C-alpha atoms as a PDB file:
ATOM      1  CA  MET A   1     104.536 112.482  91.524  1.00  0.00           C
ATOM      2  CA  SER A   2     105.009 111.124  94.937  1.00  0.00           C
ATOM      3  CA  ASN A   3     104.105 112.393  98.054  1.00  0.00           C
ATOM      4  CA  SER A   4     107.904 112.304  99.124  1.00  0.00           C
ATOM      5  CA  SER A   5     108.935 114.959  96.926  1.00  0.00           C
ATOM      6  CA  ASN A   6     105.993 117.464  98.339  1.00  0.00           C
ATOM      7  CA  ARG A   7     107.548 117.126 101.654  1.00  0.00           C
ATOM      8  CA  SER A   8     109.695 120.310 102.741  1.00  0.00           C
ATOM      9  CA  THR A   9     113.360 119.447 103.871  1.00  0.00           C
ATOM     10  CA  LEU A  10     114.020 119.888 107.562  1.00  0.00           C
ATOM     11  CA  THR A  11     115.989 122.779 108.408  1.00  0.00           C
ATOM     12  CA  GLU A  12     118.909 123.047 110.984  1.00  0.00           C
ATOM     13  CA  ARG A  13     116.425 125.074 112.960  1.00  0.00           C
ATOM     14  CA  GLY A  14     113.623 122.919 112.570  1.00  0.00           C
ATOM     15  CA  MET A  15     115.931 119.937 113.690  1.00  0.00           C
ATOM     16  CA  ARG A  16     117.179 121.906 116.557  1.00  0.00           C
ATOM     17  CA  ILE A  17     113.228 122.532 117.611  1.00  0.00           C
ATOM     18  CA  ALA A  18     112.612 118.831 117.409  1.00  0.00           C
ATOM     19  CA  GLU A  19     115.726 117.708 119.284  1.00  0.00           C
ATOM     20  CA  GLY A  20     114.790 120.082 121.794  1.00  0.00           C
ATOM     21  CA  ARG A  21     111.579 118.140 122.603  1.00  0.00           C
ATOM     22  CA  ILE A  22     113.116 114.809 123.159  1.00  0.00           C
ATOM     23  CA  PRO A  23     114.146 115.233 127.025  1.00  0.00           C
ATOM     24  CA  LYS A  24     110.149 116.221 127.690  1.00  0.00           C
ATOM     25  CA  LEU A  25     109.097 113.216 125.386  1.00  0.00           C
ATOM     26  CA  ALA A  26     111.375 110.947 127.174  1.00  0.00           C
ATOM     27  CA  ALA A  27     110.184 111.937 130.518  1.00  0.00           C
ATOM     28  CA  LYS A  28     106.530 111.727 129.792  1.00  0.00           C
ATOM     29  CA  ALA A  29     107.091 108.100 128.384  1.00  0.00           C
ATOM     30  CA  GLY A  30     109.045 107.398 131.393  1.00  0.00           C
ATOM     31  CA  HIS A  31     106.286 108.148 133.895  1.00  0.00           C
ATOM     32  CA  GLU A  32     103.539 106.626 131.347  1.00  0.00           C
ATOM     33  CA  ALA A  33     105.901 103.413 131.829  1.00  0.00           C
ATOM     34  CA  TYR A  34     106.358 103.674 135.466  1.00  0.00           C
ATOM     35  CA  TRP A  35     102.351 104.173 135.978  1.00  0.00           C
ATOM     36  CA  THR A  36     101.535 101.351 133.760  1.00  0.00           C
ATOM     37  CA  THR A  37     104.091  98.929 135.627  1.00  0.00           C
ATOM     38  CA  LEU A  38     102.176 100.172 138.843  1.00  0.00           C
ATOM     39  CA  LYS A  39      98.941  99.107 137.375  1.00  0.00           C
ATOM     40  CA  LEU A  40      99.903  96.032 135.586  1.00  0.00           C
ATOM     41  CA  THR A  41     101.768  94.499 138.727  1.00  0.00           C
ATOM     42  CA  GLY A  42      98.858  95.115 141.308  1.00  0.00           C
ATOM     43  CA  GLY A  43     100.321  98.533 142.323  1.00  0.00           C
ATOM     44  CA  VAL A  44     103.920  97.671 143.359  1.00  0.00           C
ATOM     45  CA  THR A  45     107.419  99.055 141.886  1.00  0.00           C
ATOM     46  CA  LEU A  46     111.072  98.862 143.499  1.00  0.00           C
ATOM     47  CA  LYS A  47     112.585 101.930 143.253  1.00  0.00           C
ATOM     48  CA  MET A  48     116.166 103.713 144.845  1.00  0.00           C
ATOM     49  CA  SER A  49     115.206 106.591 147.014  1.00  0.00           C
ATOM     50  CA  ASN A  50     117.636 108.353 149.179  1.00  0.00           C
ATOM     51  CA  GLY A  51     120.151 105.504 149.498  1.00  0.00           C
ATOM     52  CA  GLN A  52     117.412 102.828 150.097  1.00  0.00           C
ATOM     53  CA  MET A  53     115.572 100.236 147.976  1.00  0.00           C
ATOM     54  CA  VAL A  54     111.987 101.080 148.426  1.00  0.00           C
ATOM     55  CA  GLU A  55     108.717  99.263 147.637  1.00  0.00           C
ATOM     56  CA  ARG A  56     106.227 101.880 146.308  1.00  0.00           C
ATOM     57  CA  LYS A  57     102.626 101.080 145.815  1.00  0.00           C
ATOM     58  CA  ILE A  58     100.059 102.796 143.793  1.00  0.00           C
ATOM     59  CA  ASP A  59      98.412 104.442 146.574  1.00  0.00           C
ATOM     60  CA  GLY A  60     101.774 106.371 147.647  1.00  0.00           C
ATOM     61  CA  SER A  61     102.789 104.144 150.505  1.00  0.00           C
ATOM     62  CA  VAL A  62     106.583 103.361 150.834  1.00  0.00           C
ATOM     63  CA  LYS A  63     108.059 100.315 152.587  1.00  0.00           C
ATOM     64  CA  VAL A  64     111.905 100.448 152.801  1.00  0.00           C
ATOM     65  CA  ILE A  65     113.302  97.082 151.641  1.00  0.00           C
ATOM     66  CA  LYS A  66     116.973  97.615 152.129  1.00  0.00           C
ATOM     67  CA  ASN A  67     119.443 100.318 152.865  1.00  0.00           C
ATOM     68  CA  LEU A  68     122.042 100.774 150.216  1.00  0.00           C
ATOM     69  CA  PRO A  69     125.770 101.454 150.370  1.00  0.00           C
ATOM     70  CA  VAL A  70     126.917 105.098 149.328  1.00  0.00           C
ATOM     71  CA  GLY A  71     127.871 104.822 145.839  1.00  0.00           C
ATOM     72  CA  LYS A  72     131.305 106.153 144.760  1.00  0.00           C
ATOM     73  CA  ARG A  73     131.043 109.523 143.416  1.00  0.00           C
ATOM     74  CA  VAL A  74     132.611 109.978 139.687  1.00  0.00           C
ATOM     75  CA  LYS A  75     133.621 112.971 138.100  1.00  0.00           C
ATOM     76  CA  LEU A  76     131.422 114.332 135.218  1.00  0.00           C
ATOM     77  CA  GLY A  77     132.724 113.027 131.620  1.00  0.00           C
ATOM     78  CA  THR A  78     134.551 110.098 133.487  1.00  0.00           C
ATOM     79  CA  VAL A  79     134.572 107.119 130.968  1.00  0.00           C
ATOM     80  CA  LEU A  80     134.103 103.786 132.849  1.00  0.00           C
ATOM     81  CA  LYS A  81     135.644 100.480 131.507  1.00  0.00           C
ATOM     82  CA  ARG A  82     134.304  97.060 132.596  1.00  0.00           C
ATOM     83  CA  VAL A  83     137.336  94.839 133.967  1.00  0.00           C
ATOM     84  CA  LYS A  84     137.531  91.482 132.576  1.00  0.00           C
END
């Protein structure tokens, strides 16, 4: 008998619980990637913050690189298509 036959089938409830963990896991992975990047690059990343492109260092200091133009507001659910 194989081990796969001993596994229990995932129920709808179990699947919903597992799917509910995805946002937390994704946020954790994003934060870990951010800090890993800071460490690997000598402590510098570029980030968009409050309409500005900023350079952020591992010590928390921030330097404004460029002011960015205000983006176009889009209603939730709008599907955008690339113009060819």
